[in-house]
């Protein structure tokens, strides 16, 4: 009896924790890369600090024996990466763009010198995901305001912008979106809708039903 009760509790815990792990990845991005010197040799033990340029929130890690590093579960936005290692100048890469559902690959090349010396690269890193096949799209507040997508009523509906994501098709007749979305060939009403990690799908139809939400 105790064994059966333990199994039931363990199963319940697994079911409860599963959505949180899935959602943690659904609205997040990641950075994976390697640290090397000018001779393309791996640099282990490098100290890497990643800072969100909008919020100031930072995270740190150390490159592995093979020079690899990763930052997971990152909120979409622009980041600055600082890399320091003994015998090398500190490298700073600014305006690294992290997008939803994408893993950005970065190679940090350290120049010989003192740690007090800093080499800054101020350029937008190309948002090319070489790590996964996941697809995600970030719609900025300016795009929500300016793009000529159909309106429903007097406010923008966030689901009107879903069709801007590669692989998503939908019929939006007239000025009222009917939300018949097809993601990568899936059937209509088979997708999930979340706002800030909370499911907002219509409980009767289990699909992409939503009321208008101002941006």
N, C-alpha and C. Protein backbone atom coordinates (compact mmCIF):
# COMPACT_ATOMS: atom_id res chain seq x y z
N UNK A 1 0.83 -1.20 0.00
CA UNK A 1 0.00 0.00 0.00
C UNK A 1 0.87 1.26 0.00
N UNK A 2 1.90 1.23 0.84
CA UNK A 2 2.81 2.38 0.89
C UNK A 2 3.52 2.57 -0.44
N UNK A 3 3.91 1.44 -1.07
CA UNK A 3 4.59 1.52 -2.36
C UNK A 3 3.69 2.13 -3.41
N UNK A 4 2.42 1.72 -3.42
CA UNK A 4 1.46 2.24 -4.39
C UNK A 4 1.23 3.73 -4.17
N UNK A 5 1.09 4.14 -2.91
CA UNK A 5 0.89 5.55 -2.60
C UNK A 5 2.10 6.37 -3.01
N UNK A 6 3.30 5.86 -2.79
CA UNK A 6 4.52 6.56 -3.18
C UNK A 6 4.57 6.74 -4.70
N UNK A 7 4.17 5.70 -5.44
CA UNK A 7 4.18 5.77 -6.90
C UNK A 7 3.20 6.83 -7.39
N UNK A 8 2.00 6.86 -6.78
CA UNK A 8 0.99 7.85 -7.19
C UNK A 8 1.49 9.27 -6.93
N UNK A 9 2.09 9.48 -5.76
CA UNK A 9 2.62 10.81 -5.44
C UNK A 9 3.75 11.20 -6.38
N UNK A 10 4.60 10.25 -6.72
CA UNK A 10 5.71 10.53 -7.64
C UNK A 10 5.19 10.88 -9.02
N UNK A 11 4.16 10.16 -9.48
CA UNK A 11 3.57 10.44 -10.79
C UNK A 11 2.91 11.81 -10.80
N UNK A 12 2.22 12.15 -9.72
CA UNK A 12 1.57 13.46 -9.63
C UNK A 12 2.59 14.58 -9.66
N UNK A 13 3.70 14.39 -8.96
CA UNK A 13 4.76 15.40 -8.95
C UNK A 13 5.37 15.58 -10.33
N UNK A 14 5.54 14.49 -11.06
CA UNK A 14 6.10 14.56 -12.41
C UNK A 14 5.17 15.32 -13.34
N UNK A 15 3.86 15.07 -13.21
CA UNK A 15 2.88 15.74 -14.07
C UNK A 15 2.84 17.23 -13.78
N UNK A 16 2.90 17.59 -12.49
CA UNK A 16 2.84 19.00 -12.12
C UNK A 16 4.07 19.75 -12.57
N UNK A 17 5.24 19.12 -12.47
CA UNK A 17 6.49 19.82 -12.79
C UNK A 17 6.76 19.86 -14.28
N UNK A 18 6.15 18.99 -15.07
CA UNK A 18 6.44 18.94 -16.50
C UNK A 18 6.08 20.22 -17.22
N UNK A 19 4.87 20.81 -17.04
CA UNK A 19 4.54 22.03 -17.76
C UNK A 19 5.49 23.17 -17.46
N UNK A 20 5.96 23.29 -16.22
CA UNK A 20 6.86 24.39 -15.88
C UNK A 20 8.16 24.30 -16.65
N UNK A 21 8.66 23.07 -16.84
CA UNK A 21 9.91 22.93 -17.60
C UNK A 21 9.67 23.27 -19.06
N UNK A 22 8.52 22.85 -19.59
CA UNK A 22 8.22 23.13 -20.99
C UNK A 22 8.05 24.62 -21.21
N UNK A 23 7.31 25.27 -20.29
CA UNK A 23 7.06 26.69 -20.43
C UNK A 23 8.33 27.50 -20.25
N UNK A 24 9.24 27.01 -19.42
CA UNK A 24 10.50 27.73 -19.20
C UNK A 24 11.28 27.85 -20.49
N UNK A 25 11.07 26.91 -21.42
CA UNK A 25 11.77 26.94 -22.69
C UNK A 25 10.95 27.64 -23.76
N UNK A 26 9.59 27.64 -23.62
CA UNK A 26 8.73 28.15 -24.67
C UNK A 26 8.90 29.64 -24.89
N UNK A 27 9.13 30.41 -23.83
CA UNK A 27 9.25 31.86 -23.98
C UNK A 27 10.66 32.34 -23.68
N UNK A 28 11.63 31.49 -23.87
CA UNK A 28 13.02 31.83 -23.57
C UNK A 28 13.93 31.51 -24.75
N UNK A 29 15.13 32.07 -24.70
CA UNK A 29 16.16 31.75 -25.67
C UNK A 29 17.40 31.26 -24.94
N UNK A 30 18.46 31.03 -25.68
CA UNK A 30 19.69 30.52 -25.07
C UNK A 30 20.90 30.95 -25.89
N UNK A 31 22.06 30.92 -25.24
CA UNK A 31 23.34 31.18 -25.91
C UNK A 31 24.28 30.04 -25.59
N UNK A 32 24.87 29.47 -26.62
CA UNK A 32 25.90 28.45 -26.44
C UNK A 32 27.10 28.83 -27.30
N UNK A 33 28.28 28.55 -26.80
CA UNK A 33 29.45 28.91 -27.59
C UNK A 33 30.73 28.35 -27.02
N UNK A 34 31.84 28.88 -27.51
CA UNK A 34 33.15 28.44 -27.06
C UNK A 34 34.10 29.62 -26.98
N UNK A 35 35.08 29.49 -26.10
CA UNK A 35 36.11 30.52 -25.94
C UNK A 35 37.41 29.97 -26.51
N UNK A 36 38.06 30.77 -27.37
CA UNK A 36 39.31 30.34 -27.99
C UNK A 36 40.27 31.52 -28.09
N UNK A 37 41.56 31.20 -28.34
CA UNK A 37 42.54 32.26 -28.54
C UNK A 37 42.68 32.52 -30.03
N UNK A 38 43.61 33.40 -30.39
CA UNK A 38 43.77 33.77 -31.80
C UNK A 38 44.28 32.61 -32.64
N UNK A 39 44.83 31.59 -32.00
CA UNK A 39 45.28 30.40 -32.71
C UNK A 39 44.18 29.34 -32.79
N UNK A 40 42.98 29.72 -32.34
CA UNK A 40 41.80 28.83 -32.32
C UNK A 40 41.95 27.66 -31.36
N UNK A 41 42.81 27.81 -30.36
CA UNK A 41 42.93 26.80 -29.30
C UNK A 41 41.90 27.10 -28.21
N UNK A 42 41.35 26.07 -27.63
CA UNK A 42 40.34 26.24 -26.59
C UNK A 42 40.92 26.92 -25.36
N UNK A 43 40.11 27.76 -24.72
CA UNK A 43 40.53 28.45 -23.50
C UNK A 43 39.62 27.99 -22.36
N UNK A 44 40.07 27.06 -21.52
CA UNK A 44 39.25 26.60 -20.39
C UNK A 44 39.35 27.58 -19.22
N UNK A 45 38.36 27.55 -18.34
CA UNK A 45 38.40 28.36 -17.13
C UNK A 45 38.19 29.84 -17.33
N UNK A 46 37.69 30.24 -18.49
CA UNK A 46 37.42 31.67 -18.71
C UNK A 46 36.14 32.06 -17.96
N UNK A 47 36.15 33.24 -17.38
CA UNK A 47 34.99 33.75 -16.64
C UNK A 47 34.11 34.55 -17.59
N UNK A 48 32.85 34.12 -17.76
CA UNK A 48 31.93 34.80 -18.66
C UNK A 48 30.76 35.38 -17.88
N UNK A 49 30.45 36.64 -18.17
CA UNK A 49 29.32 37.31 -17.52
C UNK A 49 28.41 37.88 -18.60
N UNK A 50 27.14 37.48 -18.54
CA UNK A 50 26.15 37.93 -19.52
C UNK A 50 25.17 38.87 -18.82
N UNK A 51 24.99 40.07 -19.39
CA UNK A 51 24.13 41.08 -18.76
C UNK A 51 23.04 41.54 -19.71
N UNK A 52 21.81 41.51 -19.24
CA UNK A 52 20.69 42.04 -20.02
C UNK A 52 20.79 43.55 -20.06
N UNK A 53 20.89 44.13 -21.26
CA UNK A 53 21.13 45.56 -21.39
C UNK A 53 19.92 46.39 -20.96
N UNK A 54 18.74 45.80 -20.95
CA UNK A 54 17.53 46.55 -20.57
C UNK A 54 17.26 46.49 -19.08
N UNK A 55 17.46 45.32 -18.48
CA UNK A 55 17.11 45.13 -17.07
C UNK A 55 18.30 45.16 -16.13
N UNK A 56 19.50 44.94 -16.67
CA UNK A 56 20.69 44.89 -15.83
C UNK A 56 20.90 43.56 -15.14
N UNK A 57 20.00 42.61 -15.35
CA UNK A 57 20.14 41.28 -14.74
C UNK A 57 21.30 40.55 -15.40
N UNK A 58 22.16 39.93 -14.59
CA UNK A 58 23.33 39.27 -15.14
C UNK A 58 23.43 37.83 -14.66
N UNK A 59 24.15 37.03 -15.43
CA UNK A 59 24.42 35.64 -15.09
C UNK A 59 25.86 35.34 -15.44
N UNK A 60 26.49 34.44 -14.70
CA UNK A 60 27.90 34.12 -14.91
C UNK A 60 28.11 32.62 -15.06
N UNK A 61 29.15 32.27 -15.78
CA UNK A 61 29.54 30.88 -15.92
C UNK A 61 31.02 30.81 -16.24
N UNK A 62 31.58 29.62 -16.25
CA UNK A 62 32.99 29.41 -16.55
C UNK A 62 33.10 28.41 -17.69
N UNK A 63 33.97 28.70 -18.64
CA UNK A 63 34.13 27.80 -19.78
C UNK A 63 34.70 26.45 -19.32
N UNK A 64 34.26 25.40 -19.99
CA UNK A 64 34.67 24.05 -19.62
C UNK A 64 36.09 23.75 -20.08
N UNK A 65 36.53 22.52 -19.85
CA UNK A 65 37.87 22.11 -20.27
C UNK A 65 38.04 22.20 -21.77
N UNK A 66 36.94 22.11 -22.50
CA UNK A 66 36.99 22.23 -23.96
C UNK A 66 36.67 23.64 -24.43
N UNK A 67 36.57 24.58 -23.47
CA UNK A 67 36.31 25.98 -23.82
C UNK A 67 34.86 26.30 -24.07
N UNK A 68 33.96 25.35 -23.84
CA UNK A 68 32.55 25.57 -24.14
C UNK A 68 31.82 26.23 -22.97
N UNK A 69 30.74 26.94 -23.29
CA UNK A 69 29.90 27.57 -22.26
C UNK A 69 28.47 27.66 -22.78
N UNK A 70 27.54 27.88 -21.87
CA UNK A 70 26.16 28.09 -22.29
C UNK A 70 25.40 28.88 -21.24
N UNK A 71 24.45 29.67 -21.71
CA UNK A 71 23.50 30.40 -20.88
C UNK A 71 22.10 30.00 -21.34
N UNK A 72 21.33 29.39 -20.45
CA UNK A 72 20.02 28.86 -20.81
C UNK A 72 18.90 29.70 -20.19
N UNK A 73 17.69 29.50 -20.69
CA UNK A 73 16.48 30.14 -20.15
C UNK A 73 16.63 31.66 -20.06
N UNK A 74 17.05 32.27 -21.16
CA UNK A 74 17.24 33.72 -21.20
C UNK A 74 15.98 34.41 -21.71
N UNK A 75 15.60 35.50 -21.05
CA UNK A 75 14.50 36.31 -21.54
C UNK A 75 14.93 36.97 -22.85
N UNK A 76 14.04 37.08 -23.84
CA UNK A 76 14.42 37.71 -25.10
C UNK A 76 14.84 39.16 -24.88
N UNK A 77 15.84 39.60 -25.63
CA UNK A 77 16.32 40.96 -25.48
C UNK A 77 17.75 41.09 -25.95
N UNK A 78 18.36 42.22 -25.62
CA UNK A 78 19.73 42.52 -26.03
C UNK A 78 20.67 42.34 -24.83
N UNK A 79 21.80 41.67 -25.06
CA UNK A 79 22.72 41.33 -23.98
C UNK A 79 24.15 41.77 -24.29
N UNK A 80 24.93 41.94 -23.22
CA UNK A 80 26.37 42.20 -23.33
C UNK A 80 27.11 41.05 -22.65
N UNK A 81 28.09 40.49 -23.36
CA UNK A 81 28.87 39.37 -22.83
C UNK A 81 30.30 39.81 -22.58
N UNK A 82 30.78 39.63 -21.34
CA UNK A 82 32.16 39.94 -20.99
C UNK A 82 32.88 38.64 -20.67
N UNK A 83 34.08 38.48 -21.26
CA UNK A 83 34.86 37.25 -21.09
C UNK A 83 36.26 37.61 -20.64
N UNK A 84 36.69 37.01 -19.52
CA UNK A 84 38.02 37.29 -18.98
C UNK A 84 38.74 35.98 -18.67
N UNK A 85 40.04 35.95 -18.96
CA UNK A 85 40.86 34.77 -18.66
C UNK A 85 42.29 35.23 -18.42
N UNK A 86 43.01 34.50 -17.58
CA UNK A 86 44.38 34.85 -17.25
C UNK A 86 45.26 34.81 -18.49
N UNK A 87 46.02 35.90 -18.68
CA UNK A 87 46.92 35.99 -19.82
C UNK A 87 46.28 36.58 -21.06
N UNK A 88 44.99 36.99 -20.95
CA UNK A 88 44.28 37.53 -22.11
C UNK A 88 43.60 38.85 -21.74
N UNK A 89 43.40 39.68 -22.76
CA UNK A 89 42.61 40.90 -22.56
C UNK A 89 41.14 40.51 -22.40
N UNK A 90 40.42 41.32 -21.64
CA UNK A 90 38.99 41.07 -21.47
C UNK A 90 38.25 41.40 -22.76
N UNK A 91 37.40 40.49 -23.20
CA UNK A 91 36.63 40.69 -24.42
C UNK A 91 35.20 41.04 -24.06
N UNK A 92 34.66 42.07 -24.72
CA UNK A 92 33.28 42.49 -24.49
C UNK A 92 32.53 42.49 -25.81
N UNK A 93 31.41 41.80 -25.84
CA UNK A 93 30.55 41.78 -27.02
C UNK A 93 29.21 42.38 -26.64
N UNK A 94 28.83 43.46 -27.33
CA UNK A 94 27.61 44.17 -27.00
C UNK A 94 26.49 43.87 -27.99
N UNK A 95 25.27 44.16 -27.55
CA UNK A 95 24.08 44.07 -28.39
C UNK A 95 23.88 42.68 -29.00
N UNK A 96 24.05 41.66 -28.19
CA UNK A 96 23.78 40.29 -28.63
C UNK A 96 22.28 40.06 -28.52
N UNK A 97 21.65 39.76 -29.62
CA UNK A 97 20.19 39.63 -29.65
C UNK A 97 19.75 38.20 -29.36
N UNK A 98 18.97 38.03 -28.30
CA UNK A 98 18.42 36.72 -27.93
C UNK A 98 16.93 36.72 -28.26
N UNK A 99 16.50 35.73 -29.02
CA UNK A 99 15.11 35.64 -29.44
C UNK A 99 14.44 34.41 -28.85
N UNK A 100 13.14 34.43 -28.81
CA UNK A 100 12.36 33.32 -28.26
C UNK A 100 12.57 32.05 -29.07
N UNK A 101 12.81 30.94 -28.38
CA UNK A 101 12.90 29.65 -29.04
C UNK A 101 14.16 29.43 -29.85
N UNK A 102 15.14 30.30 -29.71
CA UNK A 102 16.36 30.15 -30.50
C UNK A 102 17.58 30.00 -29.59
N UNK A 103 18.55 29.23 -30.07
CA UNK A 103 19.82 29.08 -29.37
C UNK A 103 20.90 29.70 -30.25
N UNK A 104 21.48 30.77 -29.77
CA UNK A 104 22.47 31.52 -30.54
C UNK A 104 23.86 30.98 -30.29
N UNK A 105 24.58 30.66 -31.35
CA UNK A 105 25.95 30.17 -31.22
C UNK A 105 26.95 31.31 -31.32
N UNK A 106 27.86 31.41 -30.36
CA UNK A 106 28.84 32.49 -30.31
C UNK A 106 30.23 31.92 -30.08
N UNK A 107 31.21 32.46 -30.81
CA UNK A 107 32.61 32.13 -30.58
C UNK A 107 33.32 33.36 -30.05
N UNK A 108 33.89 33.25 -28.85
CA UNK A 108 34.62 34.35 -28.24
C UNK A 108 36.11 34.13 -28.48
N UNK A 109 36.75 35.09 -29.15
CA UNK A 109 38.18 35.01 -29.42
C UNK A 109 38.93 35.99 -28.53
N UNK A 110 39.80 35.48 -27.68
CA UNK A 110 40.55 36.31 -26.74
C UNK A 110 41.91 36.68 -27.32
N UNK A 111 42.27 37.94 -27.12
CA UNK A 111 43.57 38.45 -27.57
C UNK A 111 44.57 38.38 -26.41
N UNK A 112 45.84 38.06 -26.70
CA UNK A 112 46.86 38.05 -25.64
C UNK A 112 46.98 39.44 -25.01
N UNK A 113 47.17 39.50 -23.71
CA UNK A 113 47.31 40.79 -23.04
C UNK A 113 46.95 40.68 -21.58
N UNK A 114 46.83 41.82 -20.93
CA UNK A 114 46.46 41.88 -19.53
C UNK A 114 44.95 41.88 -19.38
N UNK A 115 44.48 41.35 -18.25
CA UNK A 115 43.05 41.32 -17.99
C UNK A 115 42.47 42.73 -17.95
N UNK A 116 43.30 43.71 -17.51
CA UNK A 116 42.83 45.09 -17.41
C UNK A 116 42.53 45.69 -18.78
N UNK A 117 43.12 45.13 -19.84
CA UNK A 117 42.87 45.61 -21.18
C UNK A 117 41.56 45.01 -21.70
N UNK A 118 40.79 45.82 -22.40
CA UNK A 118 39.48 45.37 -22.87
C UNK A 118 39.35 45.56 -24.37
N UNK A 119 38.90 44.53 -25.05
CA UNK A 119 38.60 44.59 -26.47
C UNK A 119 37.09 44.51 -26.62
N UNK A 120 36.47 45.57 -27.16
CA UNK A 120 35.02 45.64 -27.26
C UNK A 120 34.57 45.50 -28.70
N UNK A 121 33.61 44.63 -28.92
CA UNK A 121 32.98 44.47 -30.23
C UNK A 121 31.57 45.01 -30.11
N UNK A 122 31.31 46.16 -30.71
CA UNK A 122 30.00 46.80 -30.62
C UNK A 122 29.26 46.61 -31.93
N UNK A 123 28.64 45.47 -32.05
CA UNK A 123 27.89 45.15 -33.26
C UNK A 123 26.87 44.10 -32.92
N UNK A 124 25.77 44.11 -33.66
CA UNK A 124 24.73 43.13 -33.42
C UNK A 124 25.18 41.77 -33.91
N UNK A 125 25.12 40.78 -33.03
CA UNK A 125 25.45 39.42 -33.44
C UNK A 125 24.31 38.85 -34.27
N UNK A 126 24.64 38.12 -35.30
CA UNK A 126 23.62 37.53 -36.16
C UNK A 126 22.82 36.49 -35.37
N UNK A 127 21.49 36.63 -35.41
CA UNK A 127 20.63 35.70 -34.67
C UNK A 127 20.39 34.44 -35.49
N UNK A 128 21.42 33.65 -35.63
CA UNK A 128 21.32 32.40 -36.38
C UNK A 128 21.41 31.25 -35.40
N UNK A 129 20.37 30.44 -35.37
CA UNK A 129 20.33 29.31 -34.45
C UNK A 129 20.96 28.10 -35.12
N UNK A 130 22.13 27.73 -34.65
CA UNK A 130 22.82 26.56 -35.20
C UNK A 130 22.75 25.37 -34.26
N UNK A 131 21.98 25.52 -33.18
CA UNK A 131 21.95 24.48 -32.15
C UNK A 131 20.68 23.64 -32.18
N UNK A 132 19.54 24.24 -32.50
CA UNK A 132 18.27 23.52 -32.49
C UNK A 132 17.47 23.85 -33.74
N UNK A 133 16.40 23.10 -33.95
CA UNK A 133 15.49 23.34 -35.07
C UNK A 133 14.24 24.08 -34.62
N UNK A 134 14.22 24.54 -33.37
CA UNK A 134 13.06 25.27 -32.86
C UNK A 134 12.90 26.59 -33.60
N UNK A 135 11.67 27.03 -33.76
CA UNK A 135 11.37 28.27 -34.45
C UNK A 135 10.64 29.21 -33.51
N UNK A 136 11.08 30.45 -33.43
CA UNK A 136 10.41 31.44 -32.60
C UNK A 136 10.56 32.81 -33.23
N UNK A 137 9.64 33.70 -32.92
CA UNK A 137 9.65 35.05 -33.46
C UNK A 137 9.36 36.05 -32.35
N UNK A 138 10.12 37.12 -32.31
CA UNK A 138 9.89 38.19 -31.34
C UNK A 138 9.27 39.37 -32.07
N UNK A 139 8.11 39.82 -31.60
CA UNK A 139 7.45 40.99 -32.16
C UNK A 139 7.66 42.15 -31.19
N UNK A 140 8.30 43.21 -31.66
CA UNK A 140 8.62 44.34 -30.80
C UNK A 140 7.39 45.23 -30.60
N UNK A 141 7.38 46.04 -29.52
CA UNK A 141 6.26 46.98 -29.32
C UNK A 141 6.05 47.91 -30.51
N UNK A 142 7.13 48.31 -31.17
CA UNK A 142 6.98 49.20 -32.32
C UNK A 142 6.27 48.49 -33.46
N UNK A 143 6.60 47.21 -33.68
CA UNK A 143 5.93 46.46 -34.73
C UNK A 143 4.45 46.26 -34.42
N UNK A 144 4.14 46.01 -33.15
CA UNK A 144 2.74 45.86 -32.76
C UNK A 144 1.96 47.14 -33.06
N UNK A 145 2.61 48.27 -32.88
CA UNK A 145 1.95 49.55 -33.10
C UNK A 145 1.85 49.91 -34.57
N UNK A 146 2.90 49.61 -35.36
CA UNK A 146 3.00 50.15 -36.71
C UNK A 146 2.62 49.18 -37.83
N UNK A 147 2.78 47.86 -37.61
CA UNK A 147 2.51 46.93 -38.71
C UNK A 147 1.03 46.94 -39.09
N UNK A 148 0.74 46.92 -40.40
CA UNK A 148 -0.66 46.98 -40.86
C UNK A 148 -1.36 45.62 -40.82
N UNK A 149 -1.44 45.02 -39.64
CA UNK A 149 -2.16 43.76 -39.51
C UNK A 149 -3.63 44.07 -39.24
N UNK A 150 -4.55 43.13 -39.59
CA UNK A 150 -5.97 43.38 -39.36
C UNK A 150 -6.28 43.63 -37.89
N UNK A 151 -7.26 44.49 -37.67
CA UNK A 151 -7.67 44.82 -36.31
C UNK A 151 -8.98 44.11 -35.97
N UNK A 152 -9.19 43.89 -34.70
CA UNK A 152 -10.46 43.36 -34.22
C UNK A 152 -10.97 44.34 -33.17
N UNK A 153 -11.94 45.17 -33.55
CA UNK A 153 -12.37 46.21 -32.64
C UNK A 153 -11.40 47.38 -32.71
N UNK A 154 -11.16 48.01 -31.58
CA UNK A 154 -10.31 49.19 -31.53
C UNK A 154 -8.91 48.90 -31.04
N UNK A 155 -8.62 47.63 -30.67
CA UNK A 155 -7.31 47.31 -30.12
C UNK A 155 -6.65 46.20 -30.92
N UNK A 156 -5.33 46.15 -30.85
CA UNK A 156 -4.59 45.08 -31.50
C UNK A 156 -4.82 43.76 -30.76
N UNK A 157 -4.95 42.70 -31.52
CA UNK A 157 -5.06 41.38 -30.92
C UNK A 157 -3.73 40.67 -31.11
N UNK A 158 -3.11 40.17 -30.04
CA UNK A 158 -1.78 39.55 -30.18
C UNK A 158 -1.76 38.37 -31.14
N UNK A 159 -2.88 37.65 -31.25
CA UNK A 159 -2.89 36.50 -32.14
C UNK A 159 -2.85 36.89 -33.61
N UNK A 160 -3.13 38.18 -33.91
CA UNK A 160 -3.02 38.63 -35.29
C UNK A 160 -1.59 38.62 -35.78
N UNK A 161 -0.62 38.62 -34.85
CA UNK A 161 0.79 38.68 -35.22
C UNK A 161 1.43 37.29 -35.30
N UNK A 162 0.69 36.26 -34.90
CA UNK A 162 1.26 34.91 -34.90
C UNK A 162 1.65 34.48 -36.30
N UNK A 163 0.89 34.93 -37.31
CA UNK A 163 1.16 34.50 -38.69
C UNK A 163 2.46 35.07 -39.22
N UNK A 164 3.12 35.96 -38.47
CA UNK A 164 4.42 36.49 -38.89
C UNK A 164 5.54 35.51 -38.60
N UNK A 165 5.24 34.44 -37.86
CA UNK A 165 6.24 33.43 -37.54
C UNK A 165 6.37 32.44 -38.69
N UNK A 166 7.58 32.11 -39.12
CA UNK A 166 7.76 31.12 -40.20
C UNK A 166 7.08 29.80 -39.86
N UNK A 167 6.37 29.24 -40.84
CA UNK A 167 5.71 27.97 -40.64
C UNK A 167 4.30 28.08 -40.12
N UNK A 168 3.83 29.31 -39.87
CA UNK A 168 2.47 29.51 -39.36
C UNK A 168 1.60 30.11 -40.45
N UNK A 169 0.45 29.50 -40.68
CA UNK A 169 -0.52 30.01 -41.63
C UNK A 169 -1.85 30.18 -40.92
N UNK A 170 -2.64 31.13 -41.41
CA UNK A 170 -3.95 31.33 -40.79
C UNK A 170 -4.83 32.18 -41.67
N UNK A 171 -6.13 31.99 -41.55
CA UNK A 171 -7.08 32.78 -42.31
C UNK A 171 -7.58 33.92 -41.43
N UNK A 172 -7.46 35.13 -41.95
CA UNK A 172 -7.88 36.30 -41.19
C UNK A 172 -8.80 37.14 -42.08
N UNK A 173 -10.05 36.73 -42.25
CA UNK A 173 -10.95 37.44 -43.15
C UNK A 173 -11.39 38.78 -42.59
N UNK A 174 -11.46 39.77 -43.47
CA UNK A 174 -11.94 41.08 -43.07
C UNK A 174 -11.13 41.67 -41.94
N UNK A 175 -11.81 42.29 -41.00
CA UNK A 175 -11.13 42.93 -39.87
C UNK A 175 -11.23 42.11 -38.60
N UNK A 176 -11.78 40.91 -38.69
CA UNK A 176 -11.95 40.08 -37.50
C UNK A 176 -11.21 38.77 -37.65
N UNK A 177 -10.06 38.60 -37.03
CA UNK A 177 -9.33 37.32 -37.13
C UNK A 177 -10.17 36.17 -36.59
N UNK A 178 -10.20 35.06 -37.34
CA UNK A 178 -10.95 33.91 -36.83
C UNK A 178 -10.03 32.89 -36.18
N UNK A 179 -8.71 33.16 -36.17
CA UNK A 179 -7.74 32.38 -35.41
C UNK A 179 -7.63 30.93 -35.86
N UNK A 180 -7.95 30.64 -37.12
CA UNK A 180 -7.75 29.28 -37.60
C UNK A 180 -6.30 29.12 -38.03
N UNK A 181 -5.46 28.95 -37.04
CA UNK A 181 -4.02 28.89 -37.27
C UNK A 181 -3.57 27.47 -37.53
N UNK A 182 -2.59 27.34 -38.41
CA UNK A 182 -2.00 26.04 -38.71
C UNK A 182 -0.49 26.19 -38.55
N UNK A 183 0.08 25.52 -37.56
CA UNK A 183 1.50 25.62 -37.26
C UNK A 183 2.21 24.39 -37.80
N UNK A 184 3.09 24.62 -38.78
CA UNK A 184 3.85 23.53 -39.42
C UNK A 184 2.93 22.41 -39.90
N UNK A 185 1.79 22.79 -40.46
CA UNK A 185 0.87 21.81 -41.02
C UNK A 185 -0.07 21.17 -40.04
N UNK A 186 -0.08 21.62 -38.80
CA UNK A 186 -0.95 21.02 -37.79
C UNK A 186 -2.40 21.42 -38.04
N UNK A 187 -3.31 20.69 -37.41
CA UNK A 187 -4.73 20.98 -37.54
C UNK A 187 -5.09 22.24 -36.77
N UNK A 188 -6.16 22.91 -37.21
CA UNK A 188 -6.62 24.09 -36.50
C UNK A 188 -7.11 23.71 -35.10
N UNK A 189 -6.95 24.62 -34.15
CA UNK A 189 -7.34 24.42 -32.75
C UNK A 189 -6.52 23.33 -32.07
N UNK A 190 -5.33 23.05 -32.57
CA UNK A 190 -4.48 22.05 -31.93
C UNK A 190 -3.26 22.68 -31.26
N UNK A 191 -3.19 24.01 -31.24
CA UNK A 191 -2.04 24.69 -30.66
C UNK A 191 -2.35 25.14 -29.23
N UNK A 192 -1.32 25.63 -28.57
CA UNK A 192 -1.45 26.12 -27.20
C UNK A 192 -1.09 27.61 -27.17
N UNK A 193 -1.82 28.38 -26.39
CA UNK A 193 -1.59 29.81 -26.25
C UNK A 193 -1.27 30.13 -24.79
N UNK A 194 -0.16 30.84 -24.57
CA UNK A 194 0.24 31.21 -23.22
C UNK A 194 0.55 32.70 -23.17
N UNK A 195 0.19 33.34 -22.08
CA UNK A 195 0.57 34.72 -21.83
C UNK A 195 1.31 34.75 -20.50
N UNK A 196 2.59 35.16 -20.55
CA UNK A 196 3.44 35.15 -19.35
C UNK A 196 3.46 33.78 -18.69
N UNK A 197 3.49 32.73 -19.52
CA UNK A 197 3.58 31.37 -19.01
C UNK A 197 2.27 30.78 -18.53
N UNK A 198 1.16 31.53 -18.67
CA UNK A 198 -0.14 31.05 -18.21
C UNK A 198 -0.99 30.66 -19.42
N UNK A 199 -1.55 29.44 -19.46
CA UNK A 199 -2.38 29.04 -20.60
C UNK A 199 -3.66 29.84 -20.65
N UNK A 200 -4.01 30.34 -21.85
CA UNK A 200 -5.23 31.13 -22.03
C UNK A 200 -6.10 30.55 -23.13
N UNK A 201 -5.90 29.28 -23.47
CA UNK A 201 -6.71 28.64 -24.49
C UNK A 201 -8.15 28.52 -24.01
N UNK A 202 -9.07 28.56 -24.96
CA UNK A 202 -10.47 28.38 -24.63
C UNK A 202 -10.70 26.98 -24.11
N UNK A 203 -11.27 26.85 -22.92
CA UNK A 203 -11.42 25.53 -22.30
C UNK A 203 -12.46 24.67 -23.00
N UNK A 204 -13.33 25.27 -23.79
CA UNK A 204 -14.34 24.49 -24.50
C UNK A 204 -13.80 23.89 -25.79
N UNK A 205 -12.91 24.64 -26.46
CA UNK A 205 -12.43 24.20 -27.76
C UNK A 205 -10.97 23.78 -27.77
N UNK A 206 -10.20 24.11 -26.73
CA UNK A 206 -8.77 23.80 -26.65
C UNK A 206 -8.05 24.29 -27.89
N UNK A 207 -8.05 25.58 -28.08
CA UNK A 207 -7.41 26.14 -29.27
C UNK A 207 -7.01 27.56 -29.05
N UNK A 208 -6.75 28.25 -30.16
CA UNK A 208 -6.21 29.60 -30.09
C UNK A 208 -7.34 30.62 -30.05
N UNK A 209 -8.13 30.59 -28.99
CA UNK A 209 -9.20 31.55 -28.80
C UNK A 209 -8.74 32.59 -27.80
N UNK A 210 -8.94 33.87 -28.13
CA UNK A 210 -8.46 34.91 -27.23
C UNK A 210 -9.29 36.17 -27.41
N UNK A 211 -9.39 36.94 -26.36
CA UNK A 211 -10.00 38.25 -26.44
C UNK A 211 -8.91 39.27 -26.72
N UNK A 212 -9.31 40.47 -27.08
CA UNK A 212 -8.33 41.51 -27.37
C UNK A 212 -7.55 41.88 -26.13
N UNK A 213 -6.26 42.09 -26.31
CA UNK A 213 -5.39 42.52 -25.22
C UNK A 213 -4.55 43.68 -25.74
N UNK A 214 -4.59 44.83 -25.10
CA UNK A 214 -3.74 45.94 -25.56
C UNK A 214 -2.28 45.59 -25.39
N UNK A 215 -1.39 46.10 -26.26
CA UNK A 215 0.04 45.79 -26.15
C UNK A 215 0.64 46.37 -24.88
